[in-house]
N, C-alpha and C. Protein backbone atom coordinates (compact mmCIF):
# COMPACT_ATOMS: atom_id res chain seq x y z
N UNK A 1 10.66 87.88 126.59
CA UNK A 1 11.11 89.69 126.87
C UNK A 1 12.64 89.33 126.26
N UNK A 2 12.95 90.18 125.83
CA UNK A 2 14.54 89.98 126.17
C UNK A 2 15.21 90.39 126.99
N UNK A 3 16.26 89.30 127.01
CA UNK A 3 17.50 89.73 127.97
C UNK A 3 18.26 90.92 128.27
N UNK A 4 18.57 91.19 129.29
CA UNK A 4 19.61 92.75 129.02
C UNK A 4 20.70 92.28 129.36
N UNK A 5 21.61 93.01 127.54
CA UNK A 5 23.24 92.59 127.80
C UNK A 5 24.05 93.16 127.91
N UNK A 6 24.74 92.63 128.82
CA UNK A 6 25.92 92.70 129.50
C UNK A 6 27.14 93.14 128.99
N UNK A 7 27.91 93.90 129.04
CA UNK A 7 29.18 94.12 128.95
C UNK A 7 30.29 94.49 129.90
N UNK A 8 31.10 94.02 130.82
CA UNK A 8 31.68 94.48 132.02
C UNK A 8 33.07 94.65 131.50
N UNK A 9 33.27 95.69 132.14
CA UNK A 9 34.81 95.95 131.88
C UNK A 9 35.40 95.70 133.61
N UNK A 10 36.53 95.26 133.50
CA UNK A 10 37.03 95.07 135.13
C UNK A 10 38.56 95.48 134.64
N UNK A 11 39.17 95.46 135.57
CA UNK A 11 41.16 95.74 135.69
C UNK A 11 41.68 94.29 136.75
N UNK A 12 40.46 93.61 138.37
CA UNK A 12 41.38 93.06 138.66
C UNK A 12 40.25 91.87 139.69
N UNK A 13 39.70 91.82 140.54
CA UNK A 13 39.91 90.35 141.20
C UNK A 13 38.15 89.98 140.78
N UNK A 14 37.60 90.98 140.22
CA UNK A 14 36.10 90.29 139.46
C UNK A 14 34.90 90.07 140.12
N UNK A 15 35.17 90.50 141.33
CA UNK A 15 34.19 90.21 143.00
C UNK A 15 32.60 90.66 142.48
N UNK A 16 32.80 91.80 141.86
CA UNK A 16 31.40 92.25 141.24
C UNK A 16 30.93 91.43 140.27
N UNK A 17 31.77 91.25 139.00
CA UNK A 17 31.22 90.75 138.35
C UNK A 17 30.91 88.73 138.63
N UNK A 18 31.94 88.54 139.72
CA UNK A 18 31.18 86.86 140.04
C UNK A 18 29.62 87.59 141.02
N UNK A 19 29.56 88.42 141.58
CA UNK A 19 28.31 88.70 142.13
C UNK A 19 27.01 88.69 141.38
N UNK A 20 27.16 89.67 140.24
CA UNK A 20 26.26 89.74 138.64
C UNK A 20 25.91 87.78 138.19
N UNK A 21 26.96 87.70 138.03
CA UNK A 21 27.20 85.95 137.12
C UNK A 21 26.40 85.31 138.31
N UNK A 22 26.58 85.61 139.31
CA UNK A 22 26.07 84.63 140.42
C UNK A 22 24.39 84.95 140.33
N UNK A 23 23.66 86.24 139.95
CA UNK A 23 22.18 86.45 140.32
C UNK A 23 21.77 85.74 139.21
N UNK A 24 22.57 85.58 138.13
CA UNK A 24 22.07 85.40 136.22
C UNK A 24 21.69 84.25 136.48
N UNK A 25 22.87 83.58 137.32
CA UNK A 25 23.02 82.11 136.97
C UNK A 25 21.59 81.62 137.85
N UNK A 26 21.41 82.03 138.74
CA UNK A 26 20.17 81.85 140.55
C UNK A 26 18.77 82.26 139.91
N UNK A 27 18.74 82.73 138.58
CA UNK A 27 18.09 83.52 138.07
C UNK A 27 17.54 84.59 138.85
N UNK A 28 17.57 85.20 139.40
CA UNK A 28 17.16 86.18 140.53
C UNK A 28 17.53 87.71 139.17
N UNK A 29 18.34 87.52 138.29
CA UNK A 29 18.91 88.71 137.42
C UNK A 29 18.39 88.06 135.98
N UNK A 30 17.35 88.97 135.29
CA UNK A 30 17.09 88.68 133.61
C UNK A 30 17.70 89.46 132.91
N UNK A 31 19.27 88.66 132.77
CA UNK A 31 20.55 89.16 131.95
C UNK A 31 21.52 88.20 131.45
N UNK A 32 22.21 88.92 130.67
CA UNK A 32 23.29 87.87 129.93
C UNK A 32 24.26 88.64 130.07
N UNK A 33 25.25 88.34 130.83
CA UNK A 33 26.61 88.69 130.05
C UNK A 33 27.35 88.61 128.70
N UNK A 34 27.62 89.58 127.63
CA UNK A 34 27.62 88.93 126.71
C UNK A 34 29.58 88.98 126.31
N UNK A 35 29.92 89.81 126.92
CA UNK A 35 31.46 90.41 126.83
C UNK A 35 32.18 90.82 128.21
N UNK A 36 33.17 89.84 128.40
CA UNK A 36 34.02 91.18 129.53
C UNK A 36 35.34 91.27 128.62
N UNK A 37 35.99 92.30 129.28
CA UNK A 37 36.58 93.00 129.14
C UNK A 37 37.96 93.26 129.70
N UNK A 38 39.01 93.62 129.38
CA UNK A 38 40.45 94.13 130.68
C UNK A 38 41.17 94.60 130.01
N UNK A 39 41.93 95.91 131.64
CA UNK A 39 42.75 96.62 130.49
C UNK A 39 44.20 95.87 131.47
N UNK A 40 44.03 94.51 131.79
CA UNK A 40 45.13 93.92 132.56
C UNK A 40 44.85 92.67 132.30
N UNK A 41 46.25 92.38 131.23
CA UNK A 41 46.00 90.72 130.87
C UNK A 41 45.92 89.58 131.56
N UNK A 42 46.18 89.35 133.07
CA UNK A 42 46.47 88.55 133.68
C UNK A 42 45.11 89.00 135.26
N UNK A 43 44.50 90.03 134.36
CA UNK A 43 43.47 90.03 135.51
C UNK A 43 42.39 88.20 135.74
N UNK A 44 42.19 88.08 137.07
CA UNK A 44 41.26 87.50 137.59
C UNK A 44 39.60 87.30 136.83
N UNK A 45 39.06 88.69 136.36
CA UNK A 45 38.10 88.82 135.88
C UNK A 45 38.33 87.94 134.97
N UNK A 46 39.15 87.76 133.76
CA UNK A 46 39.14 87.38 132.38
C UNK A 46 38.77 85.53 132.85
N UNK A 47 39.35 85.00 133.77
CA UNK A 47 39.51 83.81 134.35
C UNK A 47 38.33 83.54 134.55
N UNK A 48 37.11 84.47 135.50
CA UNK A 48 36.23 84.05 136.13
C UNK A 48 35.04 84.06 134.63
N UNK A 49 35.30 84.73 134.13
CA UNK A 49 34.65 85.05 132.68
C UNK A 49 34.98 83.73 131.78
N UNK A 50 35.75 83.24 131.45
CA UNK A 50 36.28 81.92 130.46
C UNK A 50 35.68 81.26 131.12
N UNK A 51 35.79 81.01 132.97
CA UNK A 51 35.42 79.60 133.22
C UNK A 51 33.52 79.53 133.24
N UNK A 52 32.98 80.71 133.36
CA UNK A 52 31.74 80.82 132.47
C UNK A 52 31.52 80.38 131.28
N UNK A 53 31.86 80.81 129.85
CA UNK A 53 32.04 79.99 128.89
C UNK A 53 32.01 81.71 128.54
N UNK A 54 31.97 82.69 128.92
CA UNK A 54 31.39 83.81 128.31
C UNK A 54 32.87 84.86 127.57
N UNK A 55 32.55 85.42 126.57
CA UNK A 55 33.97 85.88 125.82
C UNK A 55 34.83 86.80 126.66
N UNK A 56 36.16 86.26 126.84
CA UNK A 56 37.07 87.57 128.07
C UNK A 56 37.84 87.81 126.97
N UNK A 57 38.32 89.30 126.75
CA UNK A 57 39.01 89.67 126.15
C UNK A 57 40.32 90.15 126.85
N UNK A 58 41.95 90.95 126.60
CA UNK A 58 42.52 91.95 127.40
C UNK A 58 42.18 92.75 126.20
N UNK A 59 42.43 94.38 126.62
CA UNK A 59 42.78 95.48 125.58
C UNK A 59 43.90 95.98 125.71
N UNK A 60 44.92 96.11 125.38
CA UNK A 60 45.59 96.44 125.57
C UNK A 60 45.82 98.49 125.41
N UNK A 61 45.74 98.89 127.30
CA UNK A 61 45.43 100.05 127.51
C UNK A 61 46.99 101.62 126.44
N UNK A 62 47.74 101.18 126.76
CA UNK A 62 48.51 101.78 126.42
C UNK A 62 49.24 102.08 127.39
N UNK A 63 49.54 103.48 127.39
CA UNK A 63 51.14 103.85 127.83
C UNK A 63 50.76 105.05 129.33
N UNK A 64 49.32 105.28 129.25
CA UNK A 64 48.99 105.88 130.23
C UNK A 64 48.46 104.85 131.48
N UNK A 65 48.54 105.86 132.40
CA UNK A 65 48.48 104.81 133.95
C UNK A 65 46.57 105.21 134.08
N UNK A 66 46.24 106.19 133.65
CA UNK A 66 45.02 106.51 134.43
C UNK A 66 44.07 106.56 133.45
N UNK A 67 44.15 106.57 132.22
CA UNK A 67 42.74 106.64 131.41
C UNK A 67 43.69 105.68 130.05
N UNK A 68 42.61 105.12 129.12
CA UNK A 68 43.34 104.10 127.71
C UNK A 68 43.44 105.33 126.61
N UNK A 69 44.42 104.32 126.02
CA UNK A 69 44.62 105.28 124.71
C UNK A 69 43.61 105.79 123.86
N UNK A 70 43.45 106.47 123.01
CA UNK A 70 41.72 107.00 121.91
C UNK A 70 41.95 105.21 121.70
N UNK A 71 43.13 104.79 120.63
CA UNK A 71 42.65 103.05 119.97
C UNK A 71 42.03 102.37 120.94
N UNK A 72 42.71 102.28 122.11
CA UNK A 72 42.33 101.57 122.82
C UNK A 72 40.65 101.79 123.28
N UNK A 73 40.16 102.73 123.50
CA UNK A 73 38.97 102.81 124.07
C UNK A 73 38.12 102.33 122.51
N UNK A 74 38.63 102.60 121.53
CA UNK A 74 38.00 102.39 120.20
C UNK A 74 37.71 101.18 119.81
N UNK A 75 38.91 100.81 120.33
CA UNK A 75 38.32 99.49 120.24
C UNK A 75 37.66 98.39 121.22
N UNK A 76 37.36 98.89 122.75
CA UNK A 76 36.05 98.68 123.95
C UNK A 76 35.06 98.67 123.13
N UNK A 77 34.74 99.69 122.42
CA UNK A 77 33.54 100.73 121.47
C UNK A 77 33.50 99.11 120.52
N UNK A 78 34.64 98.78 119.75
CA UNK A 78 33.94 98.02 118.88
C UNK A 78 33.46 96.32 119.63
N UNK A 79 34.21 96.01 120.40
CA UNK A 79 34.21 94.65 120.82
C UNK A 79 32.51 94.64 122.04
N UNK A 80 32.12 95.89 121.89
CA UNK A 80 30.88 96.01 122.92
C UNK A 80 29.87 96.01 121.72
N UNK A 81 29.80 96.31 120.81
CA UNK A 81 29.32 96.77 120.16
C UNK A 81 28.73 95.11 119.46
N UNK A 82 30.06 94.83 119.45
CA UNK A 82 30.05 93.62 118.42
C UNK A 82 29.04 92.61 119.05
N UNK A 83 29.12 92.44 120.91
CA UNK A 83 28.60 91.97 121.10
C UNK A 83 27.16 92.44 121.54
N UNK A 84 26.28 93.24 121.36
CA UNK A 84 25.15 94.10 121.57
C UNK A 84 25.62 93.78 122.42
N UNK A 85 25.54 95.10 122.90
CA UNK A 85 25.47 95.01 124.31
C UNK A 85 24.76 96.20 124.37
N UNK A 86 23.46 96.24 125.78
CA UNK A 86 22.71 97.22 125.93
C UNK A 86 23.49 97.98 127.11
N UNK A 87 24.09 97.37 127.54
CA UNK A 87 24.75 98.32 129.18
C UNK A 87 26.14 97.99 129.66
N UNK A 88 26.83 99.07 129.71
CA UNK A 88 27.78 98.58 130.34
C UNK A 88 28.34 99.09 131.55
N UNK A 89 29.25 97.41 132.25
CA UNK A 89 29.07 97.57 133.85
C UNK A 89 30.54 97.64 134.44
N UNK A 90 31.05 98.57 134.97
CA UNK A 90 32.63 99.24 135.44
C UNK A 90 32.70 97.99 136.79
N UNK A 91 33.58 96.97 136.74
CA UNK A 91 33.37 96.12 137.38
C UNK A 91 34.77 96.10 138.15
N UNK A 92 35.52 96.70 139.19
CA UNK A 92 36.55 96.75 139.55
C UNK A 92 37.42 97.52 138.43
N UNK A 93 36.99 98.65 137.30
CA UNK A 93 37.50 99.39 136.31
C UNK A 93 38.38 100.12 136.90
N UNK A 94 39.91 100.46 136.50
CA UNK A 94 40.40 101.19 137.24
C UNK A 94 40.98 102.60 136.44
N UNK A 95 40.28 103.12 135.17
CA UNK A 95 40.66 103.60 134.14
C UNK A 95 39.69 104.88 134.23
N UNK A 96 40.23 106.17 133.26
CA UNK A 96 38.73 107.05 133.03
C UNK A 96 38.46 107.02 131.67
N UNK A 97 36.57 107.01 131.86
CA UNK A 97 36.57 106.57 130.64
C UNK A 97 35.81 108.27 130.11
N UNK A 98 36.13 107.67 128.67
CA UNK A 98 36.33 109.25 127.61
C UNK A 98 35.24 109.22 126.70
N UNK A 99 35.74 110.33 125.69
CA UNK A 99 34.54 110.74 124.84
C UNK A 99 33.88 108.70 124.04
N UNK A 100 35.46 108.57 123.20
CA UNK A 100 34.62 107.76 122.59
C UNK A 100 33.21 106.74 122.76
N UNK A 101 33.57 106.08 124.37
CA UNK A 101 32.98 105.18 125.02
C UNK A 101 31.73 105.64 125.73
N UNK A 102 32.30 106.80 126.23
CA UNK A 102 31.11 108.28 126.60
C UNK A 102 29.50 107.83 125.58
N UNK A 103 30.48 108.38 124.79
CA UNK A 103 29.59 109.03 123.16
C UNK A 103 28.91 107.20 122.84
N UNK A 104 29.13 106.42 122.81
CA UNK A 104 29.01 105.36 121.96
C UNK A 104 28.24 104.93 123.37
N UNK A 105 27.46 105.00 124.25
CA UNK A 105 27.00 104.18 125.53
C UNK A 105 26.37 105.38 126.42
N UNK A 106 25.68 106.38 125.56
CA UNK A 106 24.99 107.38 126.38
C UNK A 106 23.91 107.05 127.78
N UNK A 107 24.63 107.64 129.05
CA UNK A 107 23.37 106.98 129.71
C UNK A 107 23.41 105.16 129.82
N UNK A 108 24.48 104.74 129.72
CA UNK A 108 24.07 103.09 129.71
C UNK A 108 25.82 103.17 130.04
N UNK A 109 26.34 103.60 130.59
CA UNK A 109 27.76 103.14 131.26
C UNK A 109 27.33 103.18 132.62
N UNK A 110 27.64 102.26 133.87
CA UNK A 110 27.24 102.42 135.10
C UNK A 110 28.33 101.78 136.11
N UNK A 111 29.14 102.40 137.08
CA UNK A 111 30.08 102.53 137.53
C UNK A 111 29.94 101.79 139.20
N UNK A 112 30.07 100.97 140.30
CA UNK A 112 30.05 100.81 141.41
C UNK A 112 31.49 101.21 142.30
N UNK A 113 31.10 101.93 142.81
CA UNK A 113 31.94 102.88 144.34
C UNK A 113 32.26 102.81 145.59
N UNK A 114 32.97 102.50 146.16
CA UNK A 114 33.10 102.03 147.64
C UNK A 114 32.95 102.77 148.41
N UNK A 115 32.16 104.30 148.13
CA UNK A 115 31.67 104.93 149.00
C UNK A 115 30.59 105.41 149.45
N UNK A 116 29.92 106.05 149.74
CA UNK A 116 28.46 107.59 149.96
C UNK A 116 29.25 108.48 149.10
N UNK A 117 28.93 108.57 147.84
CA UNK A 117 29.60 109.76 147.00
C UNK A 117 28.18 110.56 146.75
N UNK A 118 29.02 112.07 147.56
CA UNK A 118 30.22 112.64 146.72
C UNK A 118 31.37 112.48 147.16
N UNK A 119 30.89 111.72 149.13
CA UNK A 119 32.11 111.12 149.63
C UNK A 119 33.65 110.65 149.39
N UNK A 120 34.69 110.91 149.51
CA UNK A 120 35.57 110.12 148.91
C UNK A 120 35.54 109.51 148.19
N UNK A 121 36.12 110.28 146.58
CA UNK A 121 36.05 109.28 144.95
C UNK A 121 36.81 109.27 145.23
N UNK A 122 37.55 108.81 144.29
CA UNK A 122 39.04 108.01 143.74
C UNK A 122 39.16 106.38 144.46
N UNK A 123 40.84 106.34 144.43
CA UNK A 123 41.11 105.25 144.98
C UNK A 123 40.98 105.34 146.39
N UNK A 124 40.98 103.86 146.46
CA UNK A 124 40.82 103.33 148.46
C UNK A 124 40.06 104.68 149.02
N UNK A 125 39.09 104.51 149.21
CA UNK A 125 37.13 105.03 149.50
C UNK A 125 37.68 104.91 151.10
N UNK A 126 37.67 103.21 151.17
CA UNK A 126 37.49 103.08 152.29
C UNK A 126 38.56 103.28 153.58
N UNK A 127 39.75 104.08 153.37
CA UNK A 127 41.19 104.12 153.39
C UNK A 127 40.27 105.32 153.62
N UNK A 128 40.36 106.56 152.81
CA UNK A 128 39.86 107.60 153.17
C UNK A 128 38.66 107.84 154.32
N UNK A 129 37.81 106.75 154.19
CA UNK A 129 36.88 106.60 155.47
C UNK A 129 36.96 107.09 156.52
N UNK A 130 37.92 105.87 156.49
CA UNK A 130 38.64 105.54 157.86
C UNK A 130 39.54 106.76 158.88
N UNK A 131 39.74 106.95 157.64
CA UNK A 131 41.48 108.69 157.79
C UNK A 131 40.51 109.61 158.24
N UNK A 132 39.10 110.24 157.96
CA UNK A 132 38.65 111.17 158.03
C UNK A 132 37.48 110.98 158.99
N UNK A 133 37.66 109.86 160.07
CA UNK A 133 36.83 109.64 161.29
C UNK A 133 35.20 109.52 160.95
N UNK A 134 34.65 108.66 159.83
CA UNK A 134 33.11 109.09 159.52
C UNK A 134 32.96 107.56 159.82
N UNK A 135 32.34 108.17 160.22
CA UNK A 135 30.78 107.38 160.87
C UNK A 135 29.96 106.65 160.36
N UNK A 136 30.16 106.51 159.51
CA UNK A 136 29.17 105.48 158.33
C UNK A 136 29.91 105.92 156.84
N UNK A 137 29.81 104.89 156.00
CA UNK A 137 30.26 104.67 154.87
C UNK A 137 29.06 104.00 153.75
N UNK A 138 30.20 103.24 152.87
CA UNK A 138 29.46 102.63 152.40
C UNK A 138 29.30 102.61 150.27
N UNK A 139 28.63 101.91 150.07
CA UNK A 139 29.02 102.21 148.13
C UNK A 139 27.97 102.74 147.27
N UNK A 140 28.14 103.29 146.59
CA UNK A 140 27.18 103.57 145.60
C UNK A 140 27.57 103.24 144.04
N UNK A 141 26.29 102.71 143.23
CA UNK A 141 26.29 103.24 141.94
C UNK A 141 25.74 104.14 141.09
N UNK A 142 26.58 104.70 140.21
CA UNK A 142 25.93 105.73 139.44
C UNK A 142 26.58 105.61 138.03
N UNK A 143 25.82 106.76 136.93
CA UNK A 143 26.39 106.91 135.70
C UNK A 143 27.35 107.28 136.05
N UNK A 144 28.41 106.68 134.33
CA UNK A 144 30.09 107.02 134.26
C UNK A 144 29.94 108.86 133.59
N UNK A 145 30.27 109.53 133.61
CA UNK A 145 30.80 111.06 133.47
C UNK A 145 31.91 110.98 133.04
N UNK A 146 32.56 112.26 132.71
CA UNK A 146 33.90 112.29 132.28
C UNK A 146 34.54 112.52 133.20
N UNK A 147 33.96 112.55 135.24
CA UNK A 147 34.79 113.17 135.51
C UNK A 147 35.11 112.12 136.00
N UNK A 148 36.49 111.82 138.03
CA UNK A 148 36.41 111.16 138.35
C UNK A 148 34.93 110.37 139.90
N UNK A 149 34.51 109.62 139.83
CA UNK A 149 32.92 109.17 140.16
C UNK A 149 32.39 110.17 140.46
N UNK A 150 32.05 111.29 139.49
CA UNK A 150 31.27 112.38 139.79
C UNK A 150 29.74 112.10 138.82
N UNK A 151 29.63 111.16 138.43
CA UNK A 151 27.93 111.11 137.75
C UNK A 151 26.81 110.76 138.35
N UNK A 152 25.84 111.00 137.97
CA UNK A 152 24.37 111.22 138.65
C UNK A 152 24.32 110.05 139.32
N UNK A 153 24.02 110.08 140.71
CA UNK A 153 23.71 108.63 141.56
C UNK A 153 22.72 108.19 141.42
N UNK A 154 22.88 106.72 141.03
CA UNK A 154 21.15 105.70 140.86
C UNK A 154 20.82 104.98 142.18
N UNK A 155 21.38 104.38 143.05
CA UNK A 155 21.25 104.20 144.32
C UNK A 155 22.34 104.12 145.53
N UNK A 156 22.46 103.47 146.10
CA UNK A 156 23.61 103.86 147.28
C UNK A 156 23.37 102.93 148.67
N UNK A 157 24.13 102.21 149.09
CA UNK A 157 23.86 101.63 150.58
C UNK A 157 24.46 102.11 151.51
N UNK A 158 23.92 102.07 152.70
CA UNK A 158 25.14 102.38 153.99
C UNK A 158 25.63 101.29 154.81
N UNK A 159 26.67 101.43 154.86
CA UNK A 159 27.21 100.40 156.07
C UNK A 159 28.25 101.36 156.98
N UNK A 160 27.92 100.88 158.48
CA UNK A 160 28.58 101.58 159.26
C UNK A 160 29.52 101.66 159.31
N UNK A 161 30.91 102.39 160.00
CA UNK A 161 32.30 102.29 159.97
C UNK A 161 32.27 101.71 161.85
N UNK A 162 32.56 100.89 162.12
CA UNK A 162 32.89 100.37 163.46
C UNK A 162 34.24 100.34 164.39
N UNK A 163 33.91 100.39 165.89
CA UNK A 163 35.12 100.38 166.54
C UNK A 163 35.89 99.49 165.96
N UNK A 164 37.39 99.91 165.96
CA UNK A 164 38.17 98.58 165.69
C UNK A 164 38.34 98.18 164.76
N UNK A 165 37.44 99.00 163.30
CA UNK A 165 37.80 98.77 161.68
C UNK A 165 39.04 99.22 161.58
N UNK A 166 39.72 98.14 160.60
CA UNK A 166 41.21 98.63 160.23
C UNK A 166 40.45 98.39 158.66
N UNK A 167 41.20 98.52 157.82
CA UNK A 167 40.93 99.26 155.87
C UNK A 167 40.48 97.40 155.30
N UNK A 168 41.08 96.60 155.66
CA UNK A 168 40.83 95.55 155.93
C UNK A 168 38.30 94.83 155.93
N UNK A 169 38.95 94.63 156.92
CA UNK A 169 38.03 94.35 157.35
C UNK A 169 36.72 95.78 157.06
N UNK A 170 36.81 97.23 157.05
CA UNK A 170 35.76 98.28 156.20
C UNK A 170 35.79 97.75 155.28
N UNK A 171 36.66 97.59 154.42
CA UNK A 171 36.74 97.24 152.77
C UNK A 171 36.15 95.84 152.58
N UNK A 172 36.12 95.11 153.01
CA UNK A 172 34.91 93.49 153.16
C UNK A 172 33.83 93.61 153.31
N UNK A 173 33.28 94.73 154.48
CA UNK A 173 31.99 94.74 154.33
C UNK A 173 31.45 95.46 153.60
N UNK A 174 32.02 96.87 152.82
CA UNK A 174 31.60 97.07 151.78
C UNK A 174 31.28 96.45 150.32
N UNK A 175 32.55 95.64 150.22
CA UNK A 175 32.11 94.97 149.38
C UNK A 175 31.38 93.85 149.51
N UNK A 176 30.17 93.38 150.10
CA UNK A 176 29.09 92.53 150.66
C UNK A 176 28.39 93.30 150.37
N UNK A 177 27.88 94.55 150.92
CA UNK A 177 27.02 95.75 150.62
C UNK A 177 27.24 95.93 149.01
N UNK A 178 27.98 95.92 148.34
CA UNK A 178 28.14 96.06 146.85
C UNK A 178 27.32 94.50 145.84
N UNK A 179 27.86 93.91 147.03
CA UNK A 179 27.66 92.66 146.13
C UNK A 179 25.92 92.34 146.48
N UNK A 180 25.76 93.07 146.66
CA UNK A 180 23.64 92.52 146.97
C UNK A 180 23.27 94.05 145.89
N UNK A 181 24.17 95.67 146.41
CA UNK A 181 23.94 96.56 145.19
C UNK A 181 23.80 96.65 144.06
N UNK A 182 24.84 95.77 143.07
CA UNK A 182 24.95 96.34 141.89
C UNK A 182 24.13 94.93 141.44
N UNK A 183 23.57 94.18 141.61
CA UNK A 183 23.09 93.29 140.77
C UNK A 183 21.67 94.10 140.89
N UNK A 184 20.86 94.51 142.01
CA UNK A 184 19.89 95.10 142.38
C UNK A 184 19.73 96.08 142.11
N UNK A 185 20.31 97.15 140.99
CA UNK A 185 20.74 98.45 140.69
C UNK A 185 20.16 97.71 139.03
N UNK A 186 21.24 96.50 138.32
CA UNK A 186 20.85 95.73 137.22
C UNK A 186 19.62 95.65 136.92
N UNK A 187 18.60 94.86 137.83
CA UNK A 187 17.52 94.20 137.85
C UNK A 187 16.89 95.43 136.95
N UNK A 188 16.87 96.24 137.73
CA UNK A 188 15.98 97.37 137.85
C UNK A 188 15.97 98.37 135.95
N UNK A 189 17.47 97.92 135.93
CA UNK A 189 17.54 98.15 133.89
C UNK A 189 17.04 96.79 133.20
N UNK A 190 17.54 95.93 133.60
CA UNK A 190 16.58 94.71 132.94
C UNK A 190 15.47 94.40 133.10
N UNK A 191 14.48 94.91 134.07
CA UNK A 191 12.66 95.21 134.52
C UNK A 191 12.39 96.55 132.99
N UNK A 192 12.92 97.35 132.89
CA UNK A 192 13.00 98.15 131.53
C UNK A 192 13.38 97.90 130.48
N UNK A 193 13.95 97.11 130.50
CA UNK A 193 14.38 96.50 128.83
C UNK A 193 13.21 95.70 128.54
N UNK A 194 12.49 94.69 129.45
CA UNK A 194 11.20 94.09 129.24
C UNK A 194 10.20 94.44 128.78
C-alpha cells in the first residue's frame, strides 16, 4: 500500500504538524510528510520539520498580510507538486488560499479551525467564543475554499467552555482536541488512498 503523501503549510509553532508527525512516527497514521512550507521565515514549524529530516522551506509571501502574491502561491504549487503531495494540510496557516493552489489541489486541501464552524470564523476564535458567552466550542476540520473558514465541514470535536475559562485555558483545551482530531481525519484520507 502506498502511503498518503502530505504537504503541510504553517505559519507558526507547528503544534498540529507535531501531532501529525508524532502519529506517523507512532505507526497510528499511515502517511508521510513530504514537505513543510511556511510564509514566515523563522517559523518554529520549519525547525520542527528539519529536526525530523523533512524538507522545509520558507516561501516569501509578498506584500499582502492576509493572502499570498500570485507568484508566491505558484511557487507553493510547484514545491507541493515536486514533492508528489496527495493532500495539502494547513496547520496554523494564516493566509487565504486562492485560485492557483485551489485549482492545483481540488478538494485536496484541508484546514483545522479552533471553533465549531460556522460559528466564529477568522482569527482567535476561542476569544470570540468567550466574548459571545458560548457554552461550547471546539474545532473543525474542513475543506479549504476561497472564503474565510467557509469550506465543507469534514469533522468536528466539541470542547465545553468552563466557568472561569480564560482565553489561554480554553485555547489549550481546544488545541488538545485539534491534536486528536486532525490525525484522525487524515487517517481516513490515508485509508481511501490504500
